[in-house]
PDB file of N, CA and C in Angstrom:
ATOM      1  N   UNK A   1      11.014 -11.425   6.769  1.00  0.00           N
ATOM      2  CA  UNK A   1      11.265 -12.537   6.616  1.00  0.00           C
ATOM      3  C   UNK A   1      12.760 -13.074   7.048  1.00  0.00           C
ATOM      4  N   UNK A   2      12.774 -14.122   6.817  1.00  0.00           N
ATOM      5  CA  UNK A   2      14.631 -14.863   6.877  1.00  0.00           C
ATOM      6  C   UNK A   2      15.448 -14.534   5.362  1.00  0.00           C
ATOM      7  N   UNK A   3      16.836 -14.338   6.408  1.00  0.00           N
ATOM      8  CA  UNK A   3      18.047 -13.682   5.345  1.00  0.00           C
ATOM      9  C   UNK A   3      17.942 -15.462   3.880  1.00  0.00           C
ATOM     10  N   UNK A   4      17.826 -16.369   4.874  1.00  0.00           N
ATOM     11  CA  UNK A   4      17.946 -17.191   4.166  1.00  0.00           C
ATOM     12  C   UNK A   4      16.086 -17.876   3.362  1.00  0.00           C
ATOM     13  N   UNK A   5      15.159 -17.245   3.639  1.00  0.00           N
ATOM     14  CA  UNK A   5      13.865 -17.539   2.267  1.00  0.00           C
ATOM     15  C   UNK A   5      14.141 -18.207   1.997  1.00  0.00           C
ATOM     16  N   UNK A   6      13.275 -18.778   0.826  1.00  0.00           N
ATOM     17  CA  UNK A   6      14.319 -19.224  -0.753  1.00  0.00           C
ATOM     18  C   UNK A   6      13.178 -17.939  -1.635  1.00  0.00           C
ATOM     19  N   UNK A   7      14.308 -17.687  -2.615  1.00  0.00           N
ATOM     20  CA  UNK A   7      13.933 -15.992  -3.076  1.00  0.00           C
ATOM     21  C   UNK A   7      12.444 -16.061  -3.616  1.00  0.00           C
ATOM     22  N   UNK A   8      11.791 -17.133  -4.134  1.00  0.00           N
ATOM     23  CA  UNK A   8      10.673 -16.042  -4.603  1.00  0.00           C
ATOM     24  C   UNK A   8       9.478 -16.199  -3.787  1.00  0.00           C
ATOM     25  N   UNK A   9       9.436 -16.692  -2.198  1.00  0.00           N
ATOM     26  CA  UNK A   9       9.567 -15.959  -0.712  1.00  0.00           C
ATOM     27  C   UNK A   9       9.519 -14.536  -0.622  1.00  0.00           C
ATOM     28  N   UNK A  10      10.369 -13.933  -0.704  1.00  0.00           N
ATOM     29  CA  UNK A  10      11.638 -12.932  -0.101  1.00  0.00           C
ATOM     30  C   UNK A  10      10.824 -11.835  -1.875  1.00  0.00           C
ATOM     31  N   UNK A  11      10.674 -12.306  -2.473  1.00  0.00           N
ATOM     32  CA  UNK A  11       9.971 -11.579  -4.170  1.00  0.00           C
ATOM     33  C   UNK A  11       8.526 -11.446  -3.143  1.00  0.00           C
ATOM     34  N   UNK A  12       7.760 -12.554  -3.031  1.00  0.00           N
ATOM     35  CA  UNK A  12       6.418 -11.885  -2.618  1.00  0.00           C
ATOM     36  C   UNK A  12       5.612 -11.233  -1.204  1.00  0.00           C
ATOM     37  N   UNK A  13       7.045 -11.056  -0.635  1.00  0.00           N
ATOM     38  CA  UNK A  13       6.955 -10.146   0.455  1.00  0.00           C
ATOM     39  C   UNK A  13       7.638  -9.047   0.453  1.00  0.00           C
ATOM     40  N   UNK A  14       8.499  -9.221  -0.410  1.00  0.00           N
ATOM     41  CA  UNK A  14       8.829  -7.576  -1.091  1.00  0.00           C
ATOM     42  C   UNK A  14       7.194  -7.111  -1.677  1.00  0.00           C
ATOM     43  N   UNK A  15       6.742  -7.811  -2.347  1.00  0.00           N
ATOM     44  CA  UNK A  15       5.988  -7.485  -3.620  1.00  0.00           C
ATOM     45  C   UNK A  15       4.420  -7.152  -2.313  1.00  0.00           C
ATOM     46  N   UNK A  16       4.262  -7.435  -0.864  1.00  0.00           N
ATOM     47  CA  UNK A  16       3.501  -7.309  -0.635  1.00  0.00           C
ATOM     48  C   UNK A  16       4.268  -6.186   0.207  1.00  0.00           C
ATOM     49  N   UNK A  17       4.502  -5.505   0.115  1.00  0.00           N
ATOM     50  CA  UNK A  17       5.758  -4.643   1.416  1.00  0.00           C
ATOM     51  C   UNK A  17       5.269  -3.358   0.570  1.00  0.00           C
ATOM     52  N   UNK A  18       5.716  -3.470  -0.478  1.00  0.00           N
ATOM     53  CA  UNK A  18       4.783  -2.361  -1.185  1.00  0.00           C
ATOM     54  C   UNK A  18       4.290  -1.884  -1.497  1.00  0.00           C
ATOM     55  N   UNK A  19       3.572  -2.839  -1.978  1.00  0.00           N
ATOM     56  CA  UNK A  19       1.525  -2.767  -1.851  1.00  0.00           C
ATOM     57  C   UNK A  19       1.537  -2.287  -1.068  1.00  0.00           C
ATOM     58  N   UNK A  20       1.397  -2.832  -0.341  1.00  0.00           N
ATOM     59  CA  UNK A  20       0.841  -1.842   0.629  1.00  0.00           C
ATOM     60  C   UNK A  20       1.101  -0.551   1.228  1.00  0.00           C
ATOM     61  N   UNK A  21       2.243  -0.081   0.947  1.00  0.00           N
ATOM     62  CA  UNK A  21       2.797   1.658   1.835  1.00  0.00           C
ATOM     63  C   UNK A  21       2.702   1.753   0.325  1.00  0.00           C
ATOM     64  N   UNK A  22       2.123   1.669  -0.957  1.00  0.00           N
ATOM     65  CA  UNK A  22       2.076   2.414  -2.594  1.00  0.00           C
ATOM     66  C   UNK A  22       0.826   2.592  -1.590  1.00  0.00           C
ATOM     67  N   UNK A  23      -0.640   1.885  -1.160  1.00  0.00           N
ATOM     68  CA  UNK A  23      -2.106   2.317  -0.603  1.00  0.00           C
ATOM     69  C   UNK A  23      -1.779   3.415   1.002  1.00  0.00           C
ATOM     70  N   UNK A  24      -0.559   2.869   1.648  1.00  0.00           N
ATOM     71  CA  UNK A  24      -0.480   4.595   2.389  1.00  0.00           C
ATOM     72  C   UNK A  24      -0.993   3.666   3.497  1.00  0.00           C
ATOM     73  N   UNK A  25      -0.174   2.519   4.007  1.00  0.00           N
ATOM     74  CA  UNK A  25      -1.006   2.040   4.884  1.00  0.00           C
ATOM     75  C   UNK A  25       0.698   1.808   5.946  1.00  0.00           C
ATOM     76  N   UNK A  26       0.827   1.535   6.666  1.00  0.00           N
ATOM     77  CA  UNK A  26       2.515   1.831   7.610  1.00  0.00           C
ATOM     78  C   UNK A  26       2.104   0.383   8.127  1.00  0.00           C
ATOM     79  N   UNK A  27       3.904   0.067   7.642  1.00  0.00           N
ATOM     80  CA  UNK A  27       3.955  -1.494   7.968  1.00  0.00           C
ATOM     81  C   UNK A  27       5.486  -1.230   8.096  1.00  0.00           C
ATOM     82  N   UNK A  28       6.141  -2.314   8.726  1.00  0.00           N
ATOM     83  CA  UNK A  28       7.057  -3.199   8.583  1.00  0.00           C
ATOM     84  C   UNK A  28       7.947  -3.648   8.124  1.00  0.00           C
ATOM     85  N   UNK A  29       9.074  -4.042   7.507  1.00  0.00           N
ATOM     86  CA  UNK A  29       9.540  -5.359   6.775  1.00  0.00           C
ATOM     87  C   UNK A  29      10.390  -5.738   7.673  1.00  0.00           C
ATOM     88  N   UNK A  30      11.021  -6.850   8.310  1.00  0.00           N
ATOM     89  CA  UNK A  30      12.007  -7.182   9.185  1.00  0.00           C
ATOM     90  C   UNK A  30      12.542  -8.474   8.103  1.00  0.00           C
ATOM     91  N   UNK A  31      13.874  -8.661   7.975  1.00  0.00           N
ATOM     92  CA  UNK A  31      14.778  -9.053   7.960  1.00  0.00           C
ATOM     93  C   UNK A  31      15.128  -9.896   8.334  1.00  0.00           C
ATOM     94  N   UNK A  32      15.349 -10.925   9.078  1.00  0.00           N
ATOM     95  CA  UNK A  32      15.917 -11.543   9.981  1.00  0.00           C
ATOM     96  C   UNK A  32      16.943 -12.215   9.695  1.00  0.00           C
ATOM     97  N   UNK A  33      18.184 -12.209  10.002  1.00  0.00           N
ATOM     98  CA  UNK A  33      19.965 -12.709   9.632  1.00  0.00           C
ATOM     99  C   UNK A  33      20.450 -14.898  10.164  1.00  0.00           C
ATOM    100  N   UNK A  34      21.063 -14.092   9.855  1.00  0.00           N
ATOM    101  CA  UNK A  34      22.185 -15.330  10.575  1.00  0.00           C
ATOM    102  C   UNK A  34      22.013 -15.548  11.757  1.00  0.00           C
ATOM    103  N   UNK A  35      23.158 -13.976  11.705  1.00  0.00           N
ATOM    104  CA  UNK A  35      23.615 -13.930  12.302  1.00  0.00           C
ATOM    105  C   UNK A  35      23.047 -13.577  14.631  1.00  0.00           C
ATOM    106  N   UNK A  36      21.754 -13.278  13.714  1.00  0.00           N
ATOM    107  CA  UNK A  36      20.571 -13.535  14.902  1.00  0.00           C
ATOM    108  C   UNK A  36      20.372 -14.909  14.909  1.00  0.00           C
ATOM    109  N   UNK A  37      20.387 -15.958  14.503  1.00  0.00           N
ATOM    110  CA  UNK A  37      20.059 -16.788  14.570  1.00  0.00           C
ATOM    111  C   UNK A  37      18.209 -17.321  14.698  1.00  0.00           C
ATOM    112  N   UNK A  38      19.041 -16.299  12.925  1.00  0.00           N
ATOM    113  CA  UNK A  38      17.400 -16.350  12.908  1.00  0.00           C
ATOM    114  C   UNK A  38      16.386 -16.461  11.067  1.00  0.00           C
ATOM    115  N   UNK A  39      17.493 -17.121  10.616  1.00  0.00           N
ATOM    116  CA  UNK A  39      16.994 -16.636   9.334  1.00  0.00           C
ATOM    117  C   UNK A  39      16.734 -18.273   8.371  1.00  0.00           C
ATOM    118  N   UNK A  40      16.154 -18.462   9.452  1.00  0.00           N
ATOM    119  CA  UNK A  40      15.491 -19.785   8.768  1.00  0.00           C
ATOM    120  C   UNK A  40      13.611 -19.080   8.254  1.00  0.00           C
ATOM    121  N   UNK A  41      13.414 -19.277   7.671  1.00  0.00           N
ATOM    122  CA  UNK A  41      11.394 -19.358   6.620  1.00  0.00           C
ATOM    123  C   UNK A  41      10.702 -19.576   8.675  1.00  0.00           C
ATOM    124  N   UNK A  42       9.947 -18.692   8.522  1.00  0.00           N
ATOM    125  CA  UNK A  42       8.979 -18.647   9.913  1.00  0.00           C
ATOM    126  C   UNK A  42      10.127 -17.480  11.082  1.00  0.00           C
ATOM    127  N   UNK A  43      10.770 -18.419  11.031  1.00  0.00           N
ATOM    128  CA  UNK A  43      12.280 -18.368  12.344  1.00  0.00           C
ATOM    129  C   UNK A  43      12.686 -19.395  13.315  1.00  0.00           C
ATOM    130  N   UNK A  44      12.249 -20.773  13.087  1.00  0.00           N
ATOM    131  CA  UNK A  44      11.704 -21.853  13.574  1.00  0.00           C
ATOM    132  C   UNK A  44      13.433 -21.531  14.114  1.00  0.00           C
ATOM    133  N   UNK A  45      14.439 -21.293  13.892  1.00  0.00           N
ATOM    134  CA  UNK A  45      16.061 -21.285  14.483  1.00  0.00           C
ATOM    135  C   UNK A  45      15.656 -21.040  15.646  1.00  0.00           C
ATOM    136  N   UNK A  46      14.805 -19.079  15.653  1.00  0.00           N
ATOM    137  CA  UNK A  46      14.979 -18.509  16.641  1.00  0.00           C
ATOM    138  C   UNK A  46      14.077 -17.903  17.275  1.00  0.00           C
ATOM    139  N   UNK A  47      11.899 -18.613  17.527  1.00  0.00           N
ATOM    140  CA  UNK A  47      11.343 -17.883  18.204  1.00  0.00           C
ATOM    141  C   UNK A  47      10.970 -16.818  18.961  1.00  0.00           C
ATOM    142  N   UNK A  48      12.150 -17.416  20.504  1.00  0.00           N
ATOM    143  CA  UNK A  48      12.380 -16.272  21.327  1.00  0.00           C
ATOM    144  C   UNK A  48      12.708 -14.171  20.530  1.00  0.00           C
ATOM    145  N   UNK A  49      13.514 -14.835  19.594  1.00  0.00           N
ATOM    146  CA  UNK A  49      13.336 -13.542  18.736  1.00  0.00           C
ATOM    147  C   UNK A  49      12.599 -12.995  18.119  1.00  0.00           C
ATOM    148  N   UNK A  50      12.062 -14.187  17.545  1.00  0.00           N
ATOM    149  CA  UNK A  50      11.413 -13.460  16.412  1.00  0.00           C
ATOM    150  C   UNK A  50      10.117 -13.027  17.630  1.00  0.00           C
ATOM    151  N   UNK A  51       9.587 -14.006  18.543  1.00  0.00           N
ATOM    152  CA  UNK A  51       8.051 -13.619  19.250  1.00  0.00           C
ATOM    153  C   UNK A  51       8.526 -12.082  20.160  1.00  0.00           C
ATOM    154  N   UNK A  52       9.994 -12.304  20.769  1.00  0.00           N
ATOM    155  CA  UNK A  52      10.017 -10.296  21.070  1.00  0.00           C
ATOM    156  C   UNK A  52      10.155  -9.286  19.777  1.00  0.00           C
ATOM    157  N   UNK A  53      10.340  -9.868  18.568  1.00  0.00           N
ATOM    158  CA  UNK A  53      10.219  -8.176  17.386  1.00  0.00           C
ATOM    159  C   UNK A  53       8.539  -8.450  17.856  1.00  0.00           C
ATOM    160  N   UNK A  54       7.457  -9.344  17.495  1.00  0.00           N
ATOM    161  CA  UNK A  54       6.334  -8.821  17.107  1.00  0.00           C
ATOM    162  C   UNK A  54       6.206  -8.198  18.215  1.00  0.00           C
ATOM    163  N   UNK A  55       5.848  -8.513  19.544  1.00  0.00           N
ATOM    164  CA  UNK A  55       5.353  -7.974  21.113  1.00  0.00           C
ATOM    165  C   UNK A  55       6.606  -6.992  21.349  1.00  0.00           C
ATOM    166  N   UNK A  56       7.601  -5.968  20.474  1.00  0.00           N
ATOM    167  CA  UNK A  56       7.428  -5.188  21.033  1.00  0.00           C
ATOM    168  C   UNK A  56       7.004  -4.295  20.040  1.00  0.00           C
ATOM    169  N   UNK A  57       6.569  -4.682  18.860  1.00  0.00           N
ATOM    170  CA  UNK A  57       5.738  -3.579  17.982  1.00  0.00           C
ATOM    171  C   UNK A  57       4.410  -2.900  18.000  1.00  0.00           C
ATOM    172  N   UNK A  58       3.869  -4.519  18.760  1.00  0.00           N
ATOM    173  CA  UNK A  58       2.365  -4.091  18.671  1.00  0.00           C
ATOM    174  C   UNK A  58       2.570  -3.983  20.731  1.00  0.00           C
ATOM    175  N   UNK A  59       3.284  -4.079  21.176  1.00  0.00           N
ATOM    176  CA  UNK A  59       3.505  -2.962  22.138  1.00  0.00           C
ATOM    177  C   UNK A  59       4.067  -1.023  21.509  1.00  0.00           C
ATOM    178  N   UNK A  60       4.266  -1.148  20.751  1.00  0.00           N
ATOM    179  CA  UNK A  60       5.017   0.101  19.897  1.00  0.00           C
ATOM    180  C   UNK A  60       2.891   0.107  19.585  1.00  0.00           C
ATOM    181  N   UNK A  61       2.964   0.169  18.731  1.00  0.00           N
ATOM    182  CA  UNK A  61       1.773  -0.227  18.781  1.00  0.00           C
ATOM    183  C   UNK A  61       0.101   0.551  19.225  1.00  0.00           C
ATOM    184  N   UNK A  62      -0.093  -0.422  20.039  1.00  0.00           N
ATOM    185  CA  UNK A  62      -0.515  -0.222  21.288  1.00  0.00           C
ATOM    186  C   UNK A  62      -0.789   0.873  21.876  1.00  0.00           C
ATOM    187  N   UNK A  63       0.728   1.348  22.308  1.00  0.00           N
ATOM    188  CA  UNK A  63       0.735   2.711  22.592  1.00  0.00           C
ATOM    189  C   UNK A  63       0.105   3.775  22.298  1.00  0.00           C
ATOM    190  N   UNK A  64       1.035   3.873  20.768  1.00  0.00           N
ATOM    191  CA  UNK A  64       0.396   4.829  19.944  1.00  0.00           C
ATOM    192  C   UNK A  64      -0.797   5.084  19.808  1.00  0.00           C
ATOM    193  N   UNK A  65      -2.097   4.187  19.160  1.00  0.00           N
ATOM    194  CA  UNK A  65      -3.455   4.255  19.965  1.00  0.00           C
ATOM    195  C   UNK A  65      -4.280   4.142  21.171  1.00  0.00           C
ATOM    196  N   UNK A  66      -3.424   4.017  22.810  1.00  0.00           N
ATOM    197  CA  UNK A  66      -3.691   4.743  23.768  1.00  0.00           C
ATOM    198  C   UNK A  66      -4.759   6.498  24.120  1.00  0.00           C
TER     199      UNK A  66
END
């Protein structure tokens, strides 16, 4: 989620994260910041960073499952 998301979106993201954790699901919550230039909704102001984070995460997941 972006640092400058609306408070309701932050609340929903945190609630989903906590619910998944309680169910024993491995989940990652990443907050993108203004300093990174990716604080907007869906990180539209720095899609390259958002894509890098997602693909790095996928690399880790896929390597572990091999």
